[in-house]
Amino acid sequence: MSLPLQRGRSIITDDPIKVLICRNYKGDVDMSEIDHFFTLLVQQEEEGLLCPVMSHGNVHFLWIKHSNLYLVATTNKNSNASLVYAFLYKLVEVFTEYFKELEEESIQDNFVVVYELLDELMDFGFPQTTDSKILQEYITQQGNKLEVAKTKVPTTVTNAVSWRSEGIRYKKNEVFIDVIESINVLVNANGSVMSSDIVGSIKLKTMLSGMPELRLGLNDRMLFALTGRDKGKAVTMEDVKFHQCVRLSRFESDRTISFIPPDGESELMSYRINTHVKPLIWIESVIEKFSHSRVEIMVKAKGQFKKQSVANNVEIRVPVPSDADSPKFKTSTGHAKYVPEKNLVVWSIKSFPGGKEFLMRAHFGLPSVENHEMEGRPPITVKFEIPYFTVSGIQVRYMKIIEKSGYQALPWVRYITQSGDYQLRTNS
């Protein structure tokens, strides 16, 4: 597999698209093949049929776009597409860790480091070291003088615990646990919930000395069933994915999440919960058009979560006709603004307590006599974040920290619920 990294400006103009940097790992794909990728990209863009996998002859292009860059993997074999895309996204993550922003300029300014990273991330078409914290131990952006006598491969590369260095020391030992859940909801025009689920992740920030072993306990329904205990509300998690540090055999046998954590920030696990979710922020809207002369919009928002909680930075995005002008707004709280380039009214509410109701009215002129029904009816979308709250009821029951030196460590837990793909269709 070869891995060229591309740059593109506007692919529908005559601006040149050029290869910024490339690495051919196996030599089985001619590097001139990348020219066909550009042709296929422009063609599919014009037809509105962009596909994540494109082929020319027996060569396949698997690509993603990040900022103003295209990252493209080429192969002439029946490769594992999931592995290729996981690697491409890992590339973005590693380069972002090194350069803060992954853009054309950061690649041009760091050609040497990029080539070093490409050589360490993959060997002869097979991914190897992809953890940025480990890579930063021996690939630095500073020109360090090579001292042959002292040069050695970091133990983390050959160690069984490749994600954590030895000899880490902290004056104060702490673990911060973030349980973050995103709610995906689709409500139809009649007010019925068509689909809903919860996508969650548990993120860690560990500042622990030595090589500690951590054991995390959740209110997992399967664990309670195995142990014959029923302590309050239990949660059934699906599609659970763990960081490589978690001992999978232990989890499969007794549902214990046992691991030696990476140092610093990491995502320990992700999960999905298939359940009926009541929309936490309910939206009712009335949109009236008057003989193509004006349109009036009334939106009512209600917090359908417990009164003790508060949703922060709420954004309610209401679509309006493309030729609307002369906006006027009236809100019971927050402020509304017209975003003409996106044909949206964005109603922003900094603090939205549970159980409260707020109202927004908007008035627009419609200068044209177009048939607005042809534009379709985009849904209203909502963004929000509710701290100290999880809609699934998942709880961290305990975090045990075991280290041979026997030091005491403090675990801190924070819960956050936020909007994911949150859409409410309108019938107006």
Protein backbone atom coordinates (compact mmCIF):
# COMPACT_ATOMS: atom_id res chain seq x y z
CA MET A 1 0.00 0.00 0.00
CA SER A 2 1.29 3.46 -0.82
CA LEU A 3 0.18 6.50 1.08
CA PRO A 4 0.27 9.86 -0.69
CA LEU A 5 -0.89 12.95 1.14
CA GLN A 6 -2.68 15.35 -1.17
CA ARG A 7 -3.66 18.96 -1.11
CA GLY A 8 -6.62 20.44 -2.95
CA ARG A 9 -8.10 23.90 -3.18
CA SER A 10 -11.48 24.20 -4.80
CA ILE A 11 -11.98 21.02 -6.79
CA ILE A 12 -14.56 22.60 -9.02
CA THR A 13 -12.22 25.30 -10.33
CA ASP A 14 -9.06 25.25 -12.43
CA ASP A 15 -6.81 25.69 -9.40
CA PRO A 16 -3.98 23.14 -9.49
CA ILE A 17 -4.22 20.05 -7.28
CA LYS A 18 -0.77 18.78 -6.41
CA VAL A 19 0.93 16.08 -4.39
CA LEU A 20 2.44 17.60 -1.26
CA ILE A 21 4.17 14.54 0.11
CA CYS A 22 4.03 10.80 -0.49
CA ARG A 23 5.41 7.52 0.79
CA ASN A 24 5.40 4.31 -1.27
CA TYR A 25 5.66 1.43 1.18
CA LYS A 26 5.63 -1.60 -1.12
CA GLY A 27 6.35 -0.24 -4.58
CA ASP A 28 3.49 -2.21 -6.14
CA VAL A 29 1.48 0.87 -7.22
CA ASP A 30 2.98 3.39 -9.64
CA MET A 31 2.94 6.85 -8.08
CA SER A 32 1.65 8.36 -11.33
CA GLU A 33 -1.66 6.60 -10.58
CA ILE A 34 -2.51 9.43 -8.19
CA ASP A 35 -3.27 11.64 -11.22
CA HIS A 36 -6.29 9.42 -11.90
CA PHE A 37 -7.53 10.09 -8.37
CA PHE A 38 -7.72 13.82 -9.10
CA THR A 39 -9.64 13.19 -12.33
CA LEU A 40 -12.12 10.85 -10.60
CA LEU A 41 -12.52 13.29 -7.71
CA VAL A 42 -13.42 16.21 -9.98
CA GLN A 43 -15.75 14.03 -12.06
CA GLN A 44 -17.64 12.66 -9.06
CA GLU A 45 -17.83 16.10 -7.44
CA GLU A 46 -19.45 17.52 -10.59
CA GLU A 47 -21.95 14.64 -10.65
CA GLY A 48 -22.67 14.95 -6.92
CA LEU A 49 -21.73 11.29 -6.40
CA LEU A 50 -18.62 11.44 -4.22
CA CYS A 51 -17.62 7.99 -2.97
CA PRO A 52 -15.05 7.18 -0.25
CA VAL A 53 -13.55 4.45 -2.47
CA MET A 54 -12.69 5.11 -6.12
CA SER A 55 -11.06 2.81 -8.65
CA HIS A 56 -9.07 3.15 -11.85
CA GLY A 57 -8.26 -0.17 -13.47
CA ASN A 58 -7.01 -2.45 -10.69
CA VAL A 59 -5.92 0.43 -8.44
CA HIS A 60 -8.22 1.52 -5.61
CA PHE A 61 -8.12 4.92 -3.90
CA LEU A 62 -9.34 5.12 -0.28
CA TRP A 63 -9.41 8.73 0.90
CA ILE A 64 -10.51 11.20 3.55
CA LYS A 65 -10.48 14.99 3.60
CA HIS A 66 -9.18 17.06 6.50
CA SER A 67 -9.06 20.85 6.35
CA ASN A 68 -7.52 21.67 2.94
CA LEU A 69 -5.84 18.26 2.59
CA TYR A 70 -6.75 14.95 1.02
CA LEU A 71 -5.17 11.88 2.59
CA VAL A 72 -5.24 9.05 0.08
CA ALA A 73 -4.20 5.41 0.39
CA THR A 74 -3.74 3.45 -2.85
CA THR A 75 -3.78 -0.33 -3.19
CA ASN A 76 -4.11 -2.90 -5.97
CA LYS A 77 -5.17 -5.71 -3.63
CA ASN A 78 -8.34 -6.59 -1.76
CA SER A 79 -7.24 -4.66 1.32
CA ASN A 80 -9.11 -4.35 4.61
CA ALA A 81 -10.90 -1.03 4.04
CA SER A 82 -11.78 -0.58 7.73
CA LEU A 83 -8.11 -0.91 8.67
CA VAL A 84 -7.07 1.59 5.98
CA TYR A 85 -9.57 4.21 7.14
CA ALA A 86 -8.67 3.67 10.80
CA PHE A 87 -5.04 4.30 9.83
CA LEU A 88 -5.86 7.45 7.84
CA TYR A 89 -7.79 8.94 10.77
CA LYS A 90 -4.93 7.93 13.08
CA LEU A 91 -2.57 9.84 10.78
CA VAL A 92 -4.69 12.96 11.23
CA GLU A 93 -4.65 12.47 15.00
CA VAL A 94 -0.86 12.02 15.16
CA PHE A 95 -0.07 14.95 12.83
CA THR A 96 -2.45 17.18 14.79
CA GLU A 97 -0.69 16.22 18.03
CA TYR A 98 2.64 17.22 16.46
CA PHE A 99 1.66 20.35 14.52
CA LYS A 100 -1.45 21.55 16.42
CA GLU A 101 -3.20 22.19 13.08
CA LEU A 102 -2.97 19.80 10.12
CA GLU A 103 -2.95 22.04 7.05
CA GLU A 104 -0.89 22.56 3.89
CA GLU A 105 1.45 24.96 5.69
CA SER A 106 2.16 22.59 8.59
CA ILE A 107 3.12 19.82 6.13
CA GLN A 108 5.38 22.13 4.11
CA ASP A 109 7.10 23.40 7.25
CA ASN A 110 7.75 19.90 8.61
CA PHE A 111 8.65 17.66 5.67
CA VAL A 112 11.44 15.87 7.56
CA VAL A 113 9.29 15.13 10.61
CA VAL A 114 6.39 13.97 8.41
CA TYR A 115 8.61 11.48 6.58
CA GLU A 116 9.98 10.21 9.90
CA LEU A 117 6.44 9.74 11.20
CA LEU A 118 5.30 7.96 8.04
CA ASP A 119 8.20 5.53 8.39
CA GLU A 120 7.40 4.79 12.03
CA LEU A 121 3.61 4.64 11.67
CA MET A 122 3.76 1.96 8.99
CA ASP A 123 6.30 -0.65 7.87
CA PHE A 124 6.01 -2.27 4.43
CA GLY A 125 2.27 -1.66 4.35
CA PHE A 126 1.58 -2.80 7.93
CA PRO A 127 0.66 -0.28 10.67
CA GLN A 128 2.96 -0.40 13.70
CA THR A 129 3.53 2.37 16.31
CA THR A 130 0.55 4.76 16.08
CA ASP A 131 0.48 6.28 19.57
CA SER A 132 1.59 9.92 19.37
CA LYS A 133 2.82 9.97 22.98
CA ILE A 134 5.20 7.10 22.24
CA LEU A 135 6.30 8.58 18.91
CA GLN A 136 7.15 11.87 20.61
CA GLU A 137 9.73 10.07 22.75
CA TYR A 138 12.05 9.55 19.79
CA ILE A 139 10.74 11.72 16.94
CA THR A 140 11.11 15.35 17.94
CA GLN A 141 10.82 18.55 15.96
CA GLN A 142 14.05 19.89 17.47
CA GLY A 143 17.30 18.96 15.74
CA ASN A 144 18.88 16.97 18.56
CA LYS A 145 22.52 15.96 18.09
CA LEU A 146 22.83 12.20 17.65
CA GLU A 147 25.00 10.57 20.30
CA VAL A 148 25.58 7.03 19.06
CA ALA A 149 26.70 5.64 22.40
CA LYS A 150 23.47 6.74 24.10
CA THR A 151 21.06 5.95 21.29
CA LYS A 152 18.55 3.25 22.11
CA VAL A 153 15.00 2.34 21.17
CA PRO A 154 12.52 3.57 23.80
CA THR A 155 11.35 0.70 25.99
CA THR A 156 7.75 1.58 25.18
CA VAL A 157 8.24 0.36 21.60
CA THR A 158 9.31 -3.13 22.67
CA ASN A 159 7.58 -3.23 26.05
CA ALA A 160 4.39 -5.26 26.59
CA VAL A 161 2.85 -1.99 27.83
CA SER A 162 3.67 -0.03 24.67
CA TRP A 163 1.26 2.81 25.46
CA ARG A 164 2.97 3.90 28.69
CA SER A 165 6.55 4.88 29.53
CA GLU A 166 8.36 3.68 32.63
CA GLY A 167 9.63 6.02 35.33
CA ILE A 168 6.69 8.46 35.30
CA ARG A 169 6.49 10.50 38.49
CA TYR A 170 3.93 13.00 39.84
CA LYS A 171 3.91 14.96 43.10
CA LYS A 172 0.13 14.61 43.29
CA ASN A 173 -1.47 11.45 41.88
CA GLU A 174 -4.91 12.01 40.32
CA VAL A 175 -7.28 10.50 37.76
CA PHE A 176 -9.98 12.55 36.01
CA ILE A 177 -12.84 10.55 34.46
CA ASP A 178 -15.23 12.15 31.97
CA VAL A 179 -18.39 10.23 31.06
CA ILE A 180 -19.71 11.95 27.91
CA GLU A 181 -22.97 10.93 26.23
CA SER A 182 -24.28 12.26 22.91
CA ILE A 183 -27.98 11.93 22.12
CA ASN A 184 -29.09 11.24 18.55
CA VAL A 185 -32.78 11.96 17.98
CA LEU A 186 -34.99 12.21 14.90
CA VAL A 187 -38.53 13.53 15.44
CA ASN A 188 -41.02 13.55 12.57
CA ALA A 189 -43.41 16.37 11.67
CA ASN A 190 -46.18 14.80 13.77
CA GLY A 191 -44.07 14.93 16.93
CA SER A 192 -43.25 11.21 17.08
CA VAL A 193 -39.71 10.03 17.81
CA MET A 194 -38.65 8.09 14.71
CA SER A 195 -35.24 7.02 16.00
CA SER A 196 -33.07 7.65 19.03
CA ASP A 197 -29.93 6.28 20.62
CA ILE A 198 -27.11 7.26 22.95
CA VAL A 199 -23.43 7.19 21.99
CA GLY A 200 -21.14 7.39 24.98
CA SER A 201 -17.45 7.54 25.76
CA ILE A 202 -15.37 7.41 28.91
CA LYS A 203 -12.28 9.62 28.72
CA LEU A 204 -9.39 9.67 31.15
CA LYS A 205 -6.76 12.15 32.17
CA THR A 206 -4.31 10.23 34.29
CA MET A 207 -1.52 11.79 36.31
CA LEU A 208 -0.23 8.73 38.13
CA SER A 209 3.30 7.66 39.06
CA GLY A 210 4.82 4.31 38.19
CA MET A 211 2.90 1.48 36.50
CA PRO A 212 -0.47 1.48 38.29
CA GLU A 213 -3.26 -0.99 37.60
CA LEU A 214 -6.73 0.54 37.51
CA ARG A 215 -10.06 -1.21 37.88
CA LEU A 216 -13.19 0.62 36.82
CA GLY A 217 -16.66 -0.44 37.94
CA LEU A 218 -19.85 0.63 36.16
CA ASN A 219 -23.52 -0.12 36.79
CA ASP A 220 -23.38 -2.69 34.00
CA ARG A 221 -26.47 -4.91 33.76
CA MET A 222 -24.47 -7.95 32.65
CA LEU A 223 -22.10 -7.56 35.62
CA PHE A 224 -25.03 -7.43 38.03
CA ALA A 225 -26.50 -10.54 36.38
CA LEU A 226 -23.18 -12.41 36.73
CA THR A 227 -22.78 -11.52 40.40
CA GLY A 228 -26.45 -11.87 41.30
CA ARG A 229 -26.63 -8.30 42.56
CA ASP A 230 -29.12 -5.61 41.69
CA LYS A 231 -28.04 -2.24 43.00
CA GLY A 232 -30.42 0.31 41.54
CA LYS A 233 -30.56 1.16 37.88
CA ALA A 234 -28.38 -0.90 35.55
CA VAL A 235 -27.44 -0.06 31.96
CA THR A 236 -27.07 -2.38 28.97
CA MET A 237 -24.21 -1.25 26.75
CA GLU A 238 -23.76 -2.34 23.12
CA ASP A 239 -20.96 -1.96 20.56
CA VAL A 240 -18.42 -1.52 23.36
CA LYS A 241 -14.95 -0.59 22.10
CA PHE A 242 -11.94 -0.39 24.41
CA HIS A 243 -8.52 1.23 24.31
CA GLN A 244 -5.80 -1.38 23.75
CA CYS A 245 -4.76 -1.09 27.41
CA VAL A 246 -7.92 -2.89 28.65
CA ARG A 247 -7.56 -6.61 29.35
CA LEU A 248 -10.28 -8.00 27.10
CA SER A 249 -10.10 -11.55 28.46
CA ARG A 250 -10.81 -10.25 31.97
CA PHE A 251 -13.75 -8.19 30.73
CA GLU A 252 -15.24 -11.10 28.81
CA SER A 253 -14.95 -13.45 31.80
CA ASP A 254 -16.26 -11.26 34.64
CA ARG A 255 -17.00 -7.81 33.08
CA THR A 256 -14.15 -6.18 35.05
CA ILE A 257 -12.52 -3.24 33.25
CA SER A 258 -8.89 -3.72 34.29
CA PHE A 259 -5.99 -1.82 32.69
CA ILE A 260 -2.67 -0.02 33.00
CA PRO A 261 -3.60 3.46 31.72
CA PRO A 262 -1.76 5.63 29.19
CA ASP A 263 -0.23 8.75 30.71
CA GLY A 264 -2.22 11.93 30.14
CA GLU A 265 -5.41 12.07 28.09
CA SER A 266 -6.98 9.06 26.37
CA GLU A 267 -10.33 7.53 25.50
CA LEU A 268 -10.74 4.41 27.60
CA MET A 269 -13.90 3.11 25.95
CA SER A 270 -16.90 3.96 23.81
CA TYR A 271 -20.34 2.40 23.75
CA ARG A 272 -23.84 2.71 22.34
CA ILE A 273 -27.19 2.33 24.10
CA ASN A 274 -30.22 1.54 21.95
CA THR A 275 -33.11 2.97 23.88
CA HIS A 276 -36.10 5.24 23.44
CA VAL A 277 -34.92 8.72 24.40
CA LYS A 278 -37.35 11.49 25.19
CA PRO A 279 -36.05 14.67 23.49
CA LEU A 280 -34.40 16.69 26.26
CA ILE A 281 -35.19 19.96 24.49
CA TRP A 282 -38.56 19.82 22.77
CA ILE A 283 -39.27 22.18 19.88
CA GLU A 284 -42.65 23.28 18.50
CA SER A 285 -42.70 25.52 15.46
CA VAL A 286 -45.27 27.35 13.35
CA ILE A 287 -44.15 28.80 10.02
CA GLU A 288 -46.64 30.95 8.11
CA LYS A 289 -46.11 32.32 4.58
CA PHE A 290 -48.25 35.16 3.27
CA SER A 291 -48.63 35.29 -0.51
CA HIS A 292 -44.86 35.31 -1.08
CA SER A 293 -44.64 38.68 0.66
CA ARG A 294 -43.46 37.68 4.12
CA VAL A 295 -42.91 34.70 6.40
CA GLU A 296 -43.49 34.57 10.13
CA ILE A 297 -41.87 31.95 12.35
CA MET A 298 -42.78 31.07 15.91
CA VAL A 299 -40.59 28.60 17.80
CA LYS A 300 -41.27 27.33 21.33
CA ALA A 301 -38.54 25.45 23.19
CA LYS A 302 -39.12 23.45 26.37
CA GLY A 303 -36.57 21.74 28.61
CA GLN A 304 -37.77 18.17 29.23
CA PHE A 305 -35.15 17.26 31.81
CA LYS A 306 -35.05 17.56 35.58
CA LYS A 307 -35.33 21.05 37.05
CA GLN A 308 -32.06 20.77 38.96
CA SER A 309 -30.11 20.56 35.69
CA VAL A 310 -29.22 23.34 33.26
CA ALA A 311 -28.42 23.06 29.54
CA ASN A 312 -25.56 25.33 28.49
CA ASN A 313 -24.82 27.04 25.18
CA VAL A 314 -28.08 25.97 23.52
CA GLU A 315 -28.34 26.70 19.79
CA ILE A 316 -31.63 26.18 17.96
CA ARG A 317 -31.15 26.38 14.19
CA VAL A 318 -34.29 27.11 12.22
CA PRO A 319 -34.19 26.93 8.38
CA VAL A 320 -35.71 29.84 6.40
CA PRO A 321 -36.37 30.34 2.65
CA SER A 322 -33.28 31.16 0.62
CA ASP A 323 -34.62 34.54 -0.55
CA ALA A 324 -35.74 35.80 2.88
CA ASP A 325 -34.60 39.28 3.89
CA SER A 326 -35.31 42.11 6.35
CA PRO A 327 -35.18 39.94 9.49
CA LYS A 328 -36.86 41.00 12.73
CA PHE A 329 -36.69 38.99 15.95
CA LYS A 330 -38.29 38.89 19.37
CA THR A 331 -37.16 36.40 22.03
CA SER A 332 -38.23 35.73 25.61
CA THR A 333 -34.61 34.85 26.40
CA GLY A 334 -31.28 34.69 24.59
CA HIS A 335 -30.78 36.28 21.20
CA ALA A 336 -31.49 35.35 17.57
CA LYS A 337 -29.50 36.16 14.46
CA TYR A 338 -29.92 35.54 10.74
CA VAL A 339 -27.18 33.56 8.96
CA PRO A 340 -27.98 34.20 5.26
CA GLU A 341 -25.15 32.08 3.84
CA LYS A 342 -26.71 29.02 5.53
CA ASN A 343 -30.38 30.10 5.23
CA LEU A 344 -30.77 29.77 9.00
CA VAL A 345 -31.99 31.60 12.07
CA VAL A 346 -29.75 30.71 15.02
CA TRP A 347 -31.41 31.20 18.40
CA SER A 348 -28.76 31.11 21.15
CA ILE A 349 -29.59 30.56 24.82
CA LYS A 350 -26.62 30.57 27.18
CA SER A 351 -28.43 28.92 30.10
CA PHE A 352 -31.60 26.79 29.73
CA PRO A 353 -32.95 25.36 33.05
CA GLY A 354 -34.94 22.13 33.03
CA GLY A 355 -38.73 22.49 32.91
CA LYS A 356 -38.58 26.04 31.48
CA GLU A 357 -40.25 27.24 28.25
CA PHE A 358 -38.99 30.00 25.97
CA LEU A 359 -40.35 31.62 22.81
CA MET A 360 -38.80 33.13 19.70
CA ARG A 361 -40.62 34.99 16.95
CA ALA A 362 -39.06 35.92 13.60
CA HIS A 363 -40.39 37.97 10.69
CA PHE A 364 -38.87 37.97 7.18
CA GLY A 365 -39.75 39.61 3.90
CA LEU A 366 -39.95 37.43 0.76
CA PRO A 367 -39.18 39.62 -2.27
CA SER A 368 -39.46 36.91 -4.93
CA VAL A 369 -42.39 34.84 -6.10
CA GLU A 370 -40.52 31.52 -6.23
CA ASN A 371 -42.21 28.27 -5.37
CA HIS A 372 -40.66 27.71 -1.96
CA GLU A 373 -42.12 24.21 -1.73
CA MET A 374 -39.46 23.14 -4.21
CA GLU A 375 -36.76 23.94 -1.65
CA GLY A 376 -37.87 21.16 0.64
CA ARG A 377 -38.25 21.43 4.39
CA PRO A 378 -34.95 21.04 6.24
CA PRO A 379 -35.34 20.03 9.89
CA ILE A 380 -34.74 22.20 12.92
CA THR A 381 -31.52 21.16 14.66
CA VAL A 382 -30.53 21.71 18.28
CA LYS A 383 -27.12 21.84 19.98
CA PHE A 384 -26.66 21.80 23.76
CA GLU A 385 -24.59 20.50 26.66
CA ILE A 386 -25.89 19.47 30.10
CA PRO A 387 -23.19 19.00 32.78
CA TYR A 388 -23.52 16.66 35.78
CA PHE A 389 -26.14 14.57 33.97
CA THR A 390 -26.36 11.37 31.90
CA VAL A 391 -29.58 10.46 30.18
CA SER A 392 -28.80 6.71 30.25
CA GLY A 393 -28.18 6.66 34.00
CA ILE A 394 -24.69 5.18 33.64
CA GLN A 395 -22.59 5.57 36.79
CA VAL A 396 -18.99 5.04 37.80
CA ARG A 397 -19.42 2.84 40.89
CA TYR A 398 -15.74 2.71 41.79
CA MET A 399 -12.21 3.31 40.53
CA LYS A 400 -9.51 1.25 42.27
CA ILE A 401 -5.89 2.29 41.82
CA ILE A 402 -3.24 -0.31 42.67
CA GLU A 403 0.48 0.52 42.52
CA LYS A 404 3.36 -1.35 44.17
CA SER A 405 4.55 1.75 46.04
CA GLY A 406 1.13 1.94 47.70
CA TYR A 407 0.52 5.68 47.19
CA GLN A 408 -2.93 7.20 47.58
CA ALA A 409 -4.60 8.67 44.50
CA LEU A 410 -7.75 10.72 43.99
CA PRO A 411 -10.25 9.81 41.24
CA TRP A 412 -12.54 12.60 40.00
CA VAL A 413 -15.67 11.87 37.94
CA ARG A 414 -17.61 14.27 35.72
CA TYR A 415 -20.77 13.52 33.69
CA ILE A 416 -21.81 15.42 30.54
CA THR A 417 -24.75 14.95 28.17
CA GLN A 418 -24.64 16.72 24.82
CA SER A 419 -26.51 16.78 21.54
CA GLY A 420 -25.42 14.54 18.71
CA ASP A 421 -27.48 14.31 15.53
CA TYR A 422 -30.54 16.06 16.99
CA GLN A 423 -33.21 16.86 14.38
CA LEU A 424 -36.88 17.82 14.54
CA ARG A 425 -38.78 17.94 11.27
CA THR A 426 -41.45 20.56 10.66
CA ASN A 427 -44.74 20.35 8.81
CA SER A 428 -44.93 24.02 7.96
